[in-house]
Amino acid sequence: MTGDSSRDMQGLRDALRDFVSERDWDQFHTPRNLASSICIESAELLERFQWADRNSDELTADEMVAIRHDLADVLLYLVRLADKLGIDPIAAAHEKIEINASKYPIEKARGSSRKYDQF
């Protein structure tokens, strides 16, 4: 990724606002509907890997395009929901990394897939 991520996120948010406004879709974008859409699109992304446990270099070009589009759908709904709720997703992500760092200290978590309450 290049550029300032917060500016890029704001640009994405603004482009999405324009897209939604031009289509008069804001009326349908309740937090519940957007959260549901995130789950649905995430499931579509997961479906791409349902019966295949492969590395990225084993995927075809067509599969990568479909995965990229599914990933974009998830991101767009996340950005839209964050916008509707007045949450800065970049700041929230950094905050969550700090929380996770305290729950998963390196000396206990390194190389382990266990949950923090199982250390």
C-alpha atoms as a PDB file:
ATOM      1  CA  MET A   1       0.000   0.000   0.000  1.00  0.00           C
ATOM      2  CA  THR A   2       1.157   3.470  -0.715  1.00  0.00           C
ATOM      3  CA  GLY A   3       0.269   6.867   0.618  1.00  0.00           C
ATOM      4  CA  ASP A   4      -1.195   8.055   3.889  1.00  0.00           C
ATOM      5  CA  SER A   5      -3.631   5.347   5.002  1.00  0.00           C
ATOM      6  CA  SER A   6      -5.920   7.746   6.899  1.00  0.00           C
ATOM      7  CA  ARG A   7      -6.209   9.993   3.847  1.00  0.00           C
ATOM      8  CA  ASP A   8      -6.776   6.971   1.639  1.00  0.00           C
ATOM      9  CA  MET A   9      -9.463   5.756   4.054  1.00  0.00           C
ATOM     10  CA  GLN A  10     -11.132   9.176   4.031  1.00  0.00           C
ATOM     11  CA  GLY A  11     -11.033   9.200   0.237  1.00  0.00           C
ATOM     12  CA  LEU A  12     -12.605   5.762   0.147  1.00  0.00           C
ATOM     13  CA  ARG A  13     -15.245   6.825   2.676  1.00  0.00           C
ATOM     14  CA  ASP A  14     -16.026   9.958   0.652  1.00  0.00           C
ATOM     15  CA  ALA A  15     -16.244   8.045  -2.646  1.00  0.00           C
ATOM     16  CA  LEU A  16     -18.572   5.565  -0.966  1.00  0.00           C
ATOM     17  CA  ARG A  17     -20.708   8.389   0.447  1.00  0.00           C
ATOM     18  CA  ASP A  18     -21.048   9.836  -3.061  1.00  0.00           C
ATOM     19  CA  PHE A  19     -21.852   6.440  -4.572  1.00  0.00           C
ATOM     20  CA  VAL A  20     -24.585   5.801  -1.980  1.00  0.00           C
ATOM     21  CA  SER A  21     -25.996   9.329  -2.187  1.00  0.00           C
ATOM     22  CA  GLU A  22     -26.268   9.249  -5.971  1.00  0.00           C
ATOM     23  CA  ARG A  23     -28.387   6.100  -5.701  1.00  0.00           C
ATOM     24  CA  ASP A  24     -30.437   7.237  -2.686  1.00  0.00           C
ATOM     25  CA  TRP A  25     -29.375   4.148  -0.767  1.00  0.00           C
ATOM     26  CA  ASP A  26     -28.633   5.778   2.591  1.00  0.00           C
ATOM     27  CA  GLN A  27     -32.162   4.872   3.700  1.00  0.00           C
ATOM     28  CA  PHE A  28     -31.203   1.193   3.503  1.00  0.00           C
ATOM     29  CA  HIS A  29     -27.854   1.546   5.260  1.00  0.00           C
ATOM     30  CA  THR A  30     -28.848   1.041   8.861  1.00  0.00           C
ATOM     31  CA  PRO A  31     -26.134  -0.290  11.175  1.00  0.00           C
ATOM     32  CA  ARG A  32     -27.944  -3.645  11.352  1.00  0.00           C
ATOM     33  CA  ASN A  33     -28.232  -3.932   7.561  1.00  0.00           C
ATOM     34  CA  LEU A  34     -24.593  -2.979   7.093  1.00  0.00           C
ATOM     35  CA  ALA A  35     -23.416  -5.427   9.781  1.00  0.00           C
ATOM     36  CA  SER A  36     -25.504  -8.154   8.120  1.00  0.00           C
ATOM     37  CA  SER A  37     -23.953  -7.301   4.765  1.00  0.00           C
ATOM     38  CA  ILE A  38     -20.460  -7.612   6.258  1.00  0.00           C
ATOM     39  CA  CYS A  39     -21.312 -11.130   7.432  1.00  0.00           C
ATOM     40  CA  ILE A  40     -22.806 -12.098   4.084  1.00  0.00           C
ATOM     41  CA  GLU A  41     -19.868 -10.785   2.076  1.00  0.00           C
ATOM     42  CA  SER A  42     -17.398 -12.367   4.521  1.00  0.00           C
ATOM     43  CA  ALA A  43     -19.145 -15.691   4.001  1.00  0.00           C
ATOM     44  CA  GLU A  44     -18.796 -15.284   0.237  1.00  0.00           C
ATOM     45  CA  LEU A  45     -15.079 -14.697   0.727  1.00  0.00           C
ATOM     46  CA  LEU A  46     -14.814 -17.750   2.975  1.00  0.00           C
ATOM     47  CA  GLU A  47     -16.695 -19.849   0.421  1.00  0.00           C
ATOM     48  CA  ARG A  48     -13.815 -19.336  -2.013  1.00  0.00           C
ATOM     49  CA  PHE A  49     -11.650 -21.407   0.361  1.00  0.00           C
ATOM     50  CA  GLN A  50     -14.312 -23.831   1.605  1.00  0.00           C
ATOM     51  CA  TRP A  51     -12.901 -26.993   0.058  1.00  0.00           C
ATOM     52  CA  ALA A  52      -9.415 -25.850  -0.792  1.00  0.00           C
ATOM     53  CA  ASP A  53      -6.587 -25.289   1.650  1.00  0.00           C
ATOM     54  CA  ARG A  54      -4.171 -23.640  -0.730  1.00  0.00           C
ATOM     55  CA  ASN A  55      -1.571 -20.920  -0.650  1.00  0.00           C
ATOM     56  CA  SER A  56      -2.013 -17.752  -2.668  1.00  0.00           C
ATOM     57  CA  ASP A  57       0.492 -18.901  -5.290  1.00  0.00           C
ATOM     58  CA  GLU A  58      -1.767 -21.879  -6.018  1.00  0.00           C
ATOM     59  CA  LEU A  59      -4.806 -19.771  -6.937  1.00  0.00           C
ATOM     60  CA  THR A  60      -5.685 -19.042 -10.548  1.00  0.00           C
ATOM     61  CA  ALA A  61      -5.845 -15.501 -11.870  1.00  0.00           C
ATOM     62  CA  ASP A  62      -9.643 -15.735 -12.069  1.00  0.00           C
ATOM     63  CA  GLU A  63      -9.839 -16.939  -8.467  1.00  0.00           C
ATOM     64  CA  MET A  64      -7.661 -14.049  -7.333  1.00  0.00           C
ATOM     65  CA  VAL A  65      -9.928 -11.537  -9.102  1.00  0.00           C
ATOM     66  CA  ALA A  66     -13.001 -13.015  -7.406  1.00  0.00           C
ATOM     67  CA  ILE A  67     -11.257 -13.014  -4.021  1.00  0.00           C
ATOM     68  CA  ARG A  68     -10.133  -9.418  -4.521  1.00  0.00           C
ATOM     69  CA  HIS A  69     -13.720  -8.381  -5.289  1.00  0.00           C
ATOM     70  CA  ASP A  70     -15.132 -10.249  -2.284  1.00  0.00           C
ATOM     71  CA  LEU A  71     -12.495  -8.654  -0.061  1.00  0.00           C
ATOM     72  CA  ALA A  72     -13.407  -5.238  -1.456  1.00  0.00           C
ATOM     73  CA  ASP A  73     -17.086  -5.840  -0.685  1.00  0.00           C
ATOM     74  CA  VAL A  74     -16.234  -6.611   2.948  1.00  0.00           C
ATOM     75  CA  LEU A  75     -14.046  -3.515   3.194  1.00  0.00           C
ATOM     76  CA  LEU A  76     -16.672  -1.257   1.626  1.00  0.00           C
ATOM     77  CA  TYR A  77     -19.361  -2.390   4.050  1.00  0.00           C
ATOM     78  CA  LEU A  78     -16.941  -1.989   6.976  1.00  0.00           C
ATOM     79  CA  VAL A  79     -16.080   1.542   5.883  1.00  0.00           C
ATOM     80  CA  ARG A  80     -19.747   2.369   5.407  1.00  0.00           C
ATOM     81  CA  LEU A  81     -20.711   1.029   8.846  1.00  0.00           C
ATOM     82  CA  ALA A  82     -17.849   2.883  10.513  1.00  0.00           C
ATOM     83  CA  ASP A  83     -18.947   6.074   8.756  1.00  0.00           C
ATOM     84  CA  LYS A  84     -22.564   5.658   9.860  1.00  0.00           C
ATOM     85  CA  LEU A  85     -21.446   5.106  13.468  1.00  0.00           C
ATOM     86  CA  GLY A  86     -18.835   7.878  13.479  1.00  0.00           C
ATOM     87  CA  ILE A  87     -15.936   5.482  14.067  1.00  0.00           C
ATOM     88  CA  ASP A  88     -12.490   6.031  12.597  1.00  0.00           C
ATOM     89  CA  PRO A  89     -11.648   2.470  11.492  1.00  0.00           C
ATOM     90  CA  ILE A  90      -7.894   3.127  11.319  1.00  0.00           C
ATOM     91  CA  ALA A  91      -7.831   4.527  14.865  1.00  0.00           C
ATOM     92  CA  ALA A  92     -10.038   1.649  16.062  1.00  0.00           C
ATOM     93  CA  ALA A  93      -7.690  -0.889  14.459  1.00  0.00           C
ATOM     94  CA  HIS A  94      -4.629   0.670  16.104  1.00  0.00           C
ATOM     95  CA  GLU A  95      -6.452   0.695  19.439  1.00  0.00           C
ATOM     96  CA  LYS A  96      -7.327  -2.989  19.022  1.00  0.00           C
ATOM     97  CA  ILE A  97      -3.706  -3.878  18.179  1.00  0.00           C
ATOM     98  CA  GLU A  98      -2.645  -2.270  21.483  1.00  0.00           C
ATOM     99  CA  ILE A  99      -5.322  -4.215  23.368  1.00  0.00           C
ATOM    100  CA  ASN A 100      -4.275  -7.460  21.687  1.00  0.00           C
ATOM    101  CA  ALA A 101      -0.609  -6.766  22.453  1.00  0.00           C
ATOM    102  CA  SER A 102      -1.413  -6.686  26.158  1.00  0.00           C
ATOM    103  CA  LYS A 103      -3.609  -9.819  25.930  1.00  0.00           C
ATOM    104  CA  TYR A 104      -1.023 -11.698  23.869  1.00  0.00           C
ATOM    105  CA  PRO A 105       2.434 -10.813  25.230  1.00  0.00           C
ATOM    106  CA  ILE A 106       5.227 -11.996  22.956  1.00  0.00           C
ATOM    107  CA  GLU A 107       6.798 -14.234  25.577  1.00  0.00           C
ATOM    108  CA  LYS A 108       3.529 -16.201  25.946  1.00  0.00           C
ATOM    109  CA  ALA A 109       1.974 -15.940  22.493  1.00  0.00           C
ATOM    110  CA  ARG A 110       4.920 -16.398  20.141  1.00  0.00           C
ATOM    111  CA  GLY A 111       4.304 -19.482  18.001  1.00  0.00           C
ATOM    112  CA  SER A 112       1.080 -20.344  19.820  1.00  0.00           C
ATOM    113  CA  SER A 113      -2.460 -20.346  18.456  1.00  0.00           C
ATOM    114  CA  ARG A 114      -4.024 -20.554  21.908  1.00  0.00           C
ATOM    115  CA  LYS A 115      -6.439 -17.900  23.097  1.00  0.00           C
ATOM    116  CA  TYR A 116      -5.134 -15.416  25.672  1.00  0.00           C
ATOM    117  CA  ASP A 117      -7.097 -17.023  28.512  1.00  0.00           C
ATOM    118  CA  GLN A 118      -5.412 -20.380  27.827  1.00  0.00           C
ATOM    119  CA  PHE A 119      -1.797 -19.341  28.403  1.00  0.00           C
END
